[in-house]
Amino acid sequence: MRILGIETSCDETAAAIVERDEQGKGHILSNVVLSQIAEHEPYGGVVPEIAARAHVEALDGLVRRALEQANLTLDDVDGIAATAGPGLIGGLIVGLMTAKALAMAAKKPFYAINHLEGHALTARLTDNLDFPYLLLLVSGGHTQMVLVRGLGQYERLGTTIDDALGEAFDKTAKLLGLPYPGGPAVEAMAKKGDPTRFALPRPLKGEKRLDFSFSGLKTAVRQTASELVPLSDQDVADICASFQEAVADTLRDRVGRSLDRFSAEFPDCPTPALIVAGGVAANKTLRAALEELCAKRGFRFIAPPLNLCTDNAAMIAWAGAERAGSSEPDPLSLAPRSRWPLDEKSAPVFGTGRRGAKA
């Protein structure tokens, strides 16, 4: 089964072809991503209108390239999947309408995919992972711990009660005068700094609840920087290192509690696993902290390749392939959803990242 996937939920325009064989294993035949960093850099963040216009200009060409790289035509694919939410509504409309038009013209089944489900299932594409497992999603719009019981069976164990982690990195970078995107800039400066110089808070550390919080940490960074004005390069490096270490320490505590819960619920699981996805998963310090934590708790640590951790269409195509094997296609009348929680049974939490990413 070959599925064409389209992703336009934020500031990456992407198209991909993924094949699912008879044994259920996935193979990426093409995966094309166009970043919009240059368009949004002058503003220090994603501008929804600019993002939507960029998707309109690029998407047709990317779909064509994805088909060419896979050496296929539209007639050769078995279905078309597109991100239907959550995300920026303008971008979602572009991708969803393109997918519907292609599906109608080529008489192919259409699958509307939850962007978070794409992240949740990526490890099954890359590592052929069996259910159940844990997912830590850390990006600019999301910070969630999700128990993945099976296809379509997702339980949100914890979420951020204020800022998403990627947003906290971006705002810290902007506060310190570092370039956009903030995550890589903060990480680069942290390598030159002293992580013990500033005693920054570890929000919610020690609490039984499994949620996250980063607003207080961000405020502490602002207060620390204000006390040191004018900031030297070493001051900036030390603040970045201290901030990053505070995040790592917080994740050890928050994620560790989720690992304990998983172990208690699934004591006979032969290979418990933690999957980490999202742009923040590229941070080497945070990855090392989580890898060490998993090793101590007897968990397998999986972080898909960076190009599959950040927003991409291969994960959307794969989610469509998994869906195609077990459920009916979606109607072409289906509308995009700027807010679409992966676990629709969990009560909404105020302030779980950017508006389009609340869950």
Protein backbone atom coordinates (compact mmCIF):
# COMPACT_ATOMS: atom_id res chain seq x y z
CA MET A 1 0.00 0.00 0.00
CA ARG A 2 1.41 3.37 -1.05
CA ILE A 3 0.12 6.59 0.48
CA LEU A 4 0.83 10.19 -0.52
CA GLY A 5 1.08 12.39 2.58
CA ILE A 6 0.78 16.19 2.85
CA GLU A 7 1.77 18.30 5.87
CA THR A 8 1.08 22.06 6.18
CA SER A 9 0.13 22.56 9.84
CA CYS A 10 2.71 25.24 10.68
CA ASP A 11 5.80 26.55 8.87
CA GLU A 12 7.00 23.49 6.94
CA THR A 13 5.47 22.56 3.60
CA ALA A 14 5.94 18.84 3.01
CA ALA A 15 4.93 15.94 0.79
CA ALA A 16 5.97 12.29 0.94
CA ILE A 17 5.23 8.79 -0.32
CA VAL A 18 5.32 5.91 2.16
CA GLU A 19 4.80 2.22 1.42
CA ARG A 20 3.41 -0.31 3.91
CA ASP A 21 4.21 -3.89 2.96
CA GLU A 22 2.23 -7.08 3.63
CA GLN A 23 4.09 -7.62 6.93
CA GLY A 24 3.09 -4.14 8.10
CA LYS A 25 6.57 -2.65 7.77
CA GLY A 26 7.01 0.86 6.42
CA HIS A 27 9.32 2.15 3.70
CA ILE A 28 9.81 5.83 2.84
CA LEU A 29 9.89 6.22 -0.94
CA SER A 30 10.22 10.02 -0.85
CA ASN A 31 10.09 12.76 1.77
CA VAL A 32 10.30 16.39 0.63
CA VAL A 33 10.23 19.27 3.14
CA LEU A 34 10.50 23.00 2.48
CA SER A 35 11.25 25.10 5.57
CA GLN A 36 10.00 28.66 5.93
CA ILE A 37 12.61 29.78 8.48
CA ALA A 38 13.90 32.58 6.24
CA GLU A 39 10.39 34.01 5.78
CA HIS A 40 9.65 34.14 9.52
CA GLU A 41 13.11 34.98 10.90
CA PRO A 42 12.64 38.79 10.67
CA TYR A 43 9.61 38.48 12.97
CA GLY A 44 11.16 36.14 15.54
CA GLY A 45 8.35 33.61 15.15
CA VAL A 46 5.82 32.11 12.77
CA VAL A 47 3.42 34.57 11.13
CA PRO A 48 0.26 32.61 10.18
CA GLU A 49 -0.61 34.64 7.07
CA ILE A 50 2.92 34.39 5.69
CA ALA A 51 2.96 30.66 6.39
CA ALA A 52 -0.33 30.04 4.57
CA ARG A 53 0.77 32.00 1.50
CA ALA A 54 4.07 30.12 1.39
CA HIS A 55 2.20 26.79 1.50
CA VAL A 56 0.05 27.88 -1.47
CA GLU A 57 3.12 28.79 -3.51
CA ALA A 58 5.12 25.65 -2.76
CA LEU A 59 2.79 22.71 -2.22
CA ASP A 60 1.97 21.71 -5.83
CA GLY A 61 5.66 21.61 -6.71
CA LEU A 62 6.51 19.55 -3.63
CA VAL A 63 3.82 16.98 -4.41
CA ARG A 64 5.23 16.67 -7.92
CA ARG A 65 8.76 16.23 -6.55
CA ALA A 66 7.63 13.60 -4.05
CA LEU A 67 6.02 11.57 -6.85
CA GLU A 68 9.07 11.95 -9.10
CA GLN A 69 11.51 10.89 -6.37
CA ALA A 70 9.39 7.81 -5.68
CA ASN A 71 9.24 7.13 -9.44
CA LEU A 72 5.45 7.04 -9.26
CA THR A 73 2.47 8.82 -10.74
CA LEU A 74 -0.66 9.80 -8.87
CA ASP A 75 -2.39 6.76 -10.38
CA ASP A 76 0.15 4.51 -8.63
CA VAL A 77 -0.70 5.62 -5.07
CA ASP A 78 -3.46 3.89 -3.11
CA GLY A 79 -4.62 6.83 -1.01
CA ILE A 80 -3.96 10.42 -0.02
CA ALA A 81 -3.48 11.61 3.57
CA ALA A 82 -3.21 15.17 4.86
CA THR A 83 -2.88 16.86 8.21
CA ALA A 84 -6.32 18.11 9.25
CA GLY A 85 -5.23 19.54 12.62
CA PRO A 86 -4.16 20.74 15.06
CA GLY A 87 -2.28 23.73 13.68
CA LEU A 88 -2.59 27.12 12.03
CA ILE A 89 -5.95 27.16 10.29
CA GLY A 90 -4.73 28.87 7.11
CA GLY A 91 -2.02 26.30 6.54
CA LEU A 92 -4.34 23.40 7.33
CA ILE A 93 -6.84 24.63 4.75
CA VAL A 94 -4.15 24.73 2.03
CA GLY A 95 -2.97 21.18 2.63
CA LEU A 96 -6.40 19.70 3.21
CA MET A 97 -7.98 21.27 0.12
CA THR A 98 -5.05 20.16 -2.03
CA ALA A 99 -5.35 16.59 -0.76
CA LYS A 100 -9.12 16.55 -1.32
CA ALA A 101 -8.72 17.87 -4.87
CA LEU A 102 -6.13 15.21 -5.69
CA ALA A 103 -8.25 12.48 -4.12
CA MET A 104 -11.32 13.53 -6.07
CA ALA A 105 -9.49 13.91 -9.38
CA ALA A 106 -7.64 10.60 -9.09
CA LYS A 107 -10.54 8.76 -7.42
CA LYS A 108 -8.40 7.81 -4.42
CA PRO A 109 -9.47 7.37 -0.77
CA PHE A 110 -8.77 10.38 1.47
CA TYR A 111 -7.52 10.24 5.06
CA ALA A 112 -7.60 13.24 7.42
CA ILE A 113 -4.76 12.82 9.91
CA ASN A 114 -4.22 14.28 13.35
CA HIS A 115 -0.73 15.81 13.29
CA LEU A 116 -0.04 14.44 16.78
CA GLU A 117 -1.00 10.94 15.65
CA GLY A 118 1.65 11.26 12.95
CA HIS A 119 4.28 11.86 15.64
CA ALA A 120 2.80 9.10 17.81
CA LEU A 121 3.13 6.45 15.10
CA THR A 122 6.51 7.44 13.63
CA ALA A 123 8.43 4.87 15.70
CA ARG A 124 6.34 2.12 14.11
CA LEU A 125 7.56 3.35 10.73
CA THR A 126 11.23 3.68 11.70
CA ASP A 127 11.62 0.87 14.26
CA ASN A 128 8.66 -1.43 13.59
CA LEU A 129 7.68 -0.90 17.24
CA ASP A 130 4.83 -2.85 18.80
CA PHE A 131 2.13 -1.33 21.01
CA PRO A 132 2.04 -0.19 23.80
CA TYR A 133 4.69 2.50 24.36
CA LEU A 134 5.16 6.02 25.70
CA LEU A 135 5.50 9.15 23.57
CA LEU A 136 7.09 12.40 24.74
CA LEU A 137 6.21 15.10 22.24
CA VAL A 138 8.29 18.25 22.70
CA SER A 139 8.01 20.98 20.08
CA GLY A 140 7.20 24.64 19.61
CA GLY A 141 3.50 24.03 20.07
CA HIS A 142 3.29 20.85 22.13
CA THR A 143 4.66 19.31 25.30
CA GLN A 144 2.80 16.10 26.07
CA MET A 145 3.37 12.66 27.52
CA VAL A 146 1.10 10.19 25.75
CA LEU A 147 0.45 6.50 26.39
CA VAL A 148 0.04 4.87 22.97
CA ARG A 149 -2.03 1.73 23.62
CA GLY A 150 -2.84 0.98 19.98
CA LEU A 151 -3.93 2.58 16.73
CA GLY A 152 -6.45 5.26 17.67
CA GLN A 153 -6.00 4.49 21.38
CA TYR A 154 -4.14 7.39 22.99
CA GLU A 155 -4.15 8.47 26.62
CA ARG A 156 -2.64 11.81 27.53
CA LEU A 157 -0.78 11.33 30.81
CA GLY A 158 0.56 14.85 31.08
CA THR A 159 0.68 18.13 29.21
CA THR A 160 2.07 21.61 29.74
CA ILE A 161 -0.10 23.88 31.84
CA ASP A 162 1.40 26.99 30.22
CA ASP A 163 4.19 27.27 27.63
CA ALA A 164 5.28 24.46 25.33
CA LEU A 165 8.96 23.60 25.74
CA GLY A 166 9.93 24.70 22.25
CA GLU A 167 8.16 28.00 22.86
CA ALA A 168 10.15 28.45 26.07
CA PHE A 169 13.39 27.92 24.13
CA ASP A 170 12.33 30.40 21.45
CA LYS A 171 11.29 33.06 23.97
CA THR A 172 14.51 32.60 25.97
CA ALA A 173 16.53 33.07 22.79
CA LYS A 174 14.60 36.20 21.82
CA LEU A 175 15.02 37.63 25.32
CA LEU A 176 18.79 37.11 25.11
CA GLY A 177 19.09 38.56 21.62
CA LEU A 178 19.79 35.21 19.93
CA PRO A 179 18.58 34.41 16.40
CA TYR A 180 15.45 32.50 15.36
CA PRO A 181 14.80 29.58 15.64
CA GLY A 182 15.68 29.76 19.30
CA GLY A 183 16.23 26.11 20.19
CA PRO A 184 19.44 25.56 18.19
CA ALA A 185 20.73 29.02 19.18
CA VAL A 186 20.28 28.37 22.91
CA GLU A 187 21.89 24.94 22.61
CA ALA A 188 24.91 26.37 20.78
CA MET A 189 25.44 29.08 23.41
CA ALA A 190 24.94 26.59 26.27
CA LYS A 191 28.01 24.65 25.10
CA LYS A 192 30.13 27.68 26.05
CA GLY A 193 28.44 28.30 29.41
CA ASP A 194 28.46 27.18 33.03
CA PRO A 195 25.22 25.30 33.84
CA THR A 196 25.76 25.78 37.59
CA ARG A 197 26.15 29.57 37.63
CA PHE A 198 22.45 30.40 38.02
CA ALA A 199 20.03 28.48 40.25
CA LEU A 200 16.94 28.45 38.04
CA PRO A 201 13.70 26.74 39.14
CA ARG A 202 12.57 23.21 38.21
CA PRO A 203 8.79 23.69 37.75
CA LEU A 204 6.53 20.96 39.22
CA LYS A 205 9.52 18.82 40.18
CA GLY A 206 8.48 16.32 42.85
CA GLU A 207 4.74 16.63 42.22
CA LYS A 208 2.74 13.44 41.62
CA ARG A 209 0.88 14.90 38.67
CA LEU A 210 2.50 14.18 35.31
CA ASP A 211 2.08 17.63 33.76
CA PHE A 212 4.77 20.11 32.71
CA SER A 213 5.26 23.84 33.29
CA PHE A 214 7.86 26.18 31.78
CA SER A 215 6.41 29.68 32.27
CA GLY A 216 8.06 30.15 35.69
CA LEU A 217 11.42 29.04 34.33
CA LYS A 218 11.11 31.50 31.47
CA THR A 219 10.26 34.29 33.95
CA ALA A 220 13.30 33.40 36.06
CA VAL A 221 15.50 33.68 32.97
CA ARG A 222 14.10 37.15 32.25
CA GLN A 223 14.69 38.29 35.83
CA THR A 224 18.23 36.92 35.82
CA ALA A 225 19.03 38.65 32.54
CA SER A 226 17.55 41.95 33.76
CA GLU A 227 19.79 41.93 36.82
CA LEU A 228 22.89 41.57 34.66
CA VAL A 229 22.22 44.21 32.00
CA PRO A 230 24.30 44.90 30.00
CA LEU A 231 24.86 41.21 29.25
CA SER A 232 28.26 39.96 28.19
CA ASP A 233 28.60 37.01 25.81
CA GLN A 234 29.63 34.86 28.79
CA ASP A 235 26.54 35.94 30.73
CA VAL A 236 24.35 34.84 27.82
CA ALA A 237 26.19 31.53 27.54
CA ASP A 238 25.87 30.85 31.27
CA ILE A 239 22.15 31.70 31.28
CA CYS A 240 21.59 29.36 28.30
CA ALA A 241 23.52 26.55 29.99
CA SER A 242 21.66 27.03 33.27
CA PHE A 243 18.31 27.16 31.47
CA GLN A 244 19.06 24.02 29.49
CA GLU A 245 20.18 22.13 32.59
CA ALA A 246 17.02 23.19 34.43
CA VAL A 247 14.95 21.82 31.53
CA ALA A 248 16.91 18.55 31.52
CA ASP A 249 16.47 18.14 35.28
CA THR A 250 12.75 18.88 34.98
CA LEU A 251 12.33 16.31 32.21
CA ARG A 252 14.15 13.66 34.25
CA ASP A 253 11.62 14.10 37.04
CA ARG A 254 8.47 14.52 34.94
CA VAL A 255 9.25 11.76 32.43
CA GLY A 256 10.58 9.45 35.14
CA ARG A 257 7.19 9.46 36.84
CA SER A 258 5.51 8.51 33.56
CA LEU A 259 7.95 5.64 33.09
CA ASP A 260 7.05 4.40 36.57
CA ARG A 261 3.34 4.54 35.74
CA PHE A 262 3.88 2.61 32.52
CA SER A 263 5.88 -0.07 34.34
CA ALA A 264 3.12 -0.43 36.93
CA GLU A 265 0.38 -0.74 34.29
CA PHE A 266 2.29 -3.03 31.94
CA PRO A 267 4.57 -5.14 34.18
CA ASP A 268 4.80 -7.90 31.56
CA CYS A 269 5.71 -5.65 28.61
CA PRO A 270 8.89 -7.31 27.24
CA THR A 271 10.43 -4.16 25.75
CA PRO A 272 9.01 -0.96 27.30
CA ALA A 273 9.94 2.02 25.16
CA LEU A 274 9.97 5.82 25.33
CA ILE A 275 9.68 7.63 22.01
CA VAL A 276 10.75 11.27 21.81
CA ALA A 277 9.55 13.42 18.90
CA GLY A 278 9.31 17.09 17.99
CA GLY A 279 11.92 19.71 17.19
CA VAL A 280 13.20 19.92 20.77
CA ALA A 281 14.15 16.23 20.50
CA ALA A 282 17.15 17.39 18.46
CA ASN A 283 18.73 18.93 21.58
CA LYS A 284 21.68 16.67 22.45
CA THR A 285 21.76 17.56 26.14
CA LEU A 286 18.09 16.72 26.60
CA ARG A 287 18.41 13.53 24.57
CA ALA A 288 21.36 12.41 26.67
CA ALA A 289 19.43 13.08 29.89
CA LEU A 290 16.44 11.05 28.68
CA GLU A 291 18.63 8.24 27.32
CA GLU A 292 20.33 7.95 30.71
CA LEU A 293 16.95 7.96 32.46
CA CYS A 294 15.64 5.18 30.22
CA ALA A 295 18.76 3.08 30.72
CA LYS A 296 18.32 3.28 34.49
CA ARG A 297 14.62 2.33 34.30
CA GLY A 298 15.06 -0.50 31.77
CA PHE A 299 13.33 1.31 28.92
CA ARG A 300 14.33 1.40 25.30
CA PHE A 301 14.94 4.98 24.14
CA ILE A 302 13.91 5.82 20.57
CA ALA A 303 14.36 9.18 18.90
CA PRO A 304 13.57 8.93 15.17
CA PRO A 305 15.99 10.64 12.76
CA LEU A 306 15.80 14.42 13.07
CA ASN A 307 14.00 14.83 9.74
CA LEU A 308 11.24 12.59 11.12
CA CYS A 309 11.18 14.24 14.57
CA THR A 310 10.30 17.65 13.19
CA ASP A 311 7.22 18.28 11.04
CA ASN A 312 7.25 16.11 7.91
CA ALA A 313 4.85 14.40 5.52
CA ALA A 314 6.27 10.89 5.84
CA MET A 315 4.69 10.55 9.29
CA ILE A 316 1.36 11.74 7.87
CA ALA A 317 1.55 9.27 4.98
CA TRP A 318 2.44 6.47 7.41
CA ALA A 319 -0.47 7.33 9.71
CA GLY A 320 -2.68 7.23 6.62
CA ALA A 321 -1.29 3.81 5.71
CA GLU A 322 -1.97 2.49 9.20
CA ARG A 323 -5.47 3.93 9.11
CA ALA A 324 -6.14 2.51 5.64
CA GLY A 325 -5.53 -0.99 6.93
CA SER A 326 -8.12 -0.75 9.68
CA SER A 327 -10.73 1.94 8.97
CA GLU A 328 -12.83 3.58 6.28
CA PRO A 329 -11.64 6.70 4.39
CA ASP A 330 -12.78 10.13 5.53
CA PRO A 331 -15.43 12.13 3.65
CA LEU A 332 -14.28 15.03 1.46
CA SER A 333 -16.61 17.26 3.47
CA LEU A 334 -14.38 16.94 6.57
CA ALA A 335 -13.25 20.34 7.90
CA PRO A 336 -9.84 21.29 9.35
CA ARG A 337 -9.51 21.66 13.12
CA SER A 338 -7.09 24.17 14.59
CA ARG A 339 -7.56 22.41 17.94
CA TRP A 340 -7.67 18.63 17.84
CA PRO A 341 -6.53 16.76 20.97
CA LEU A 342 -5.06 13.33 20.38
CA ASP A 343 -6.86 12.11 23.50
CA GLU A 344 -10.34 13.57 23.15
CA LYS A 345 -11.47 12.07 26.46
CA SER A 346 -9.02 14.10 28.57
CA ALA A 347 -10.21 17.41 29.93
CA PRO A 348 -8.66 20.40 28.15
CA VAL A 349 -5.88 22.20 29.99
CA PHE A 350 -5.63 25.95 29.68
CA GLY A 351 -2.42 27.24 28.17
CA THR A 352 -0.98 24.14 26.49
CA GLY A 353 1.16 26.03 24.01
CA ARG A 354 0.20 28.20 21.03
CA ARG A 355 -3.49 28.61 20.25
CA GLY A 356 -3.44 26.35 17.21
CA ALA A 357 -1.69 23.62 19.18
CA LYS A 358 -3.82 23.41 22.31
CA ALA A 359 -4.76 19.91 23.30
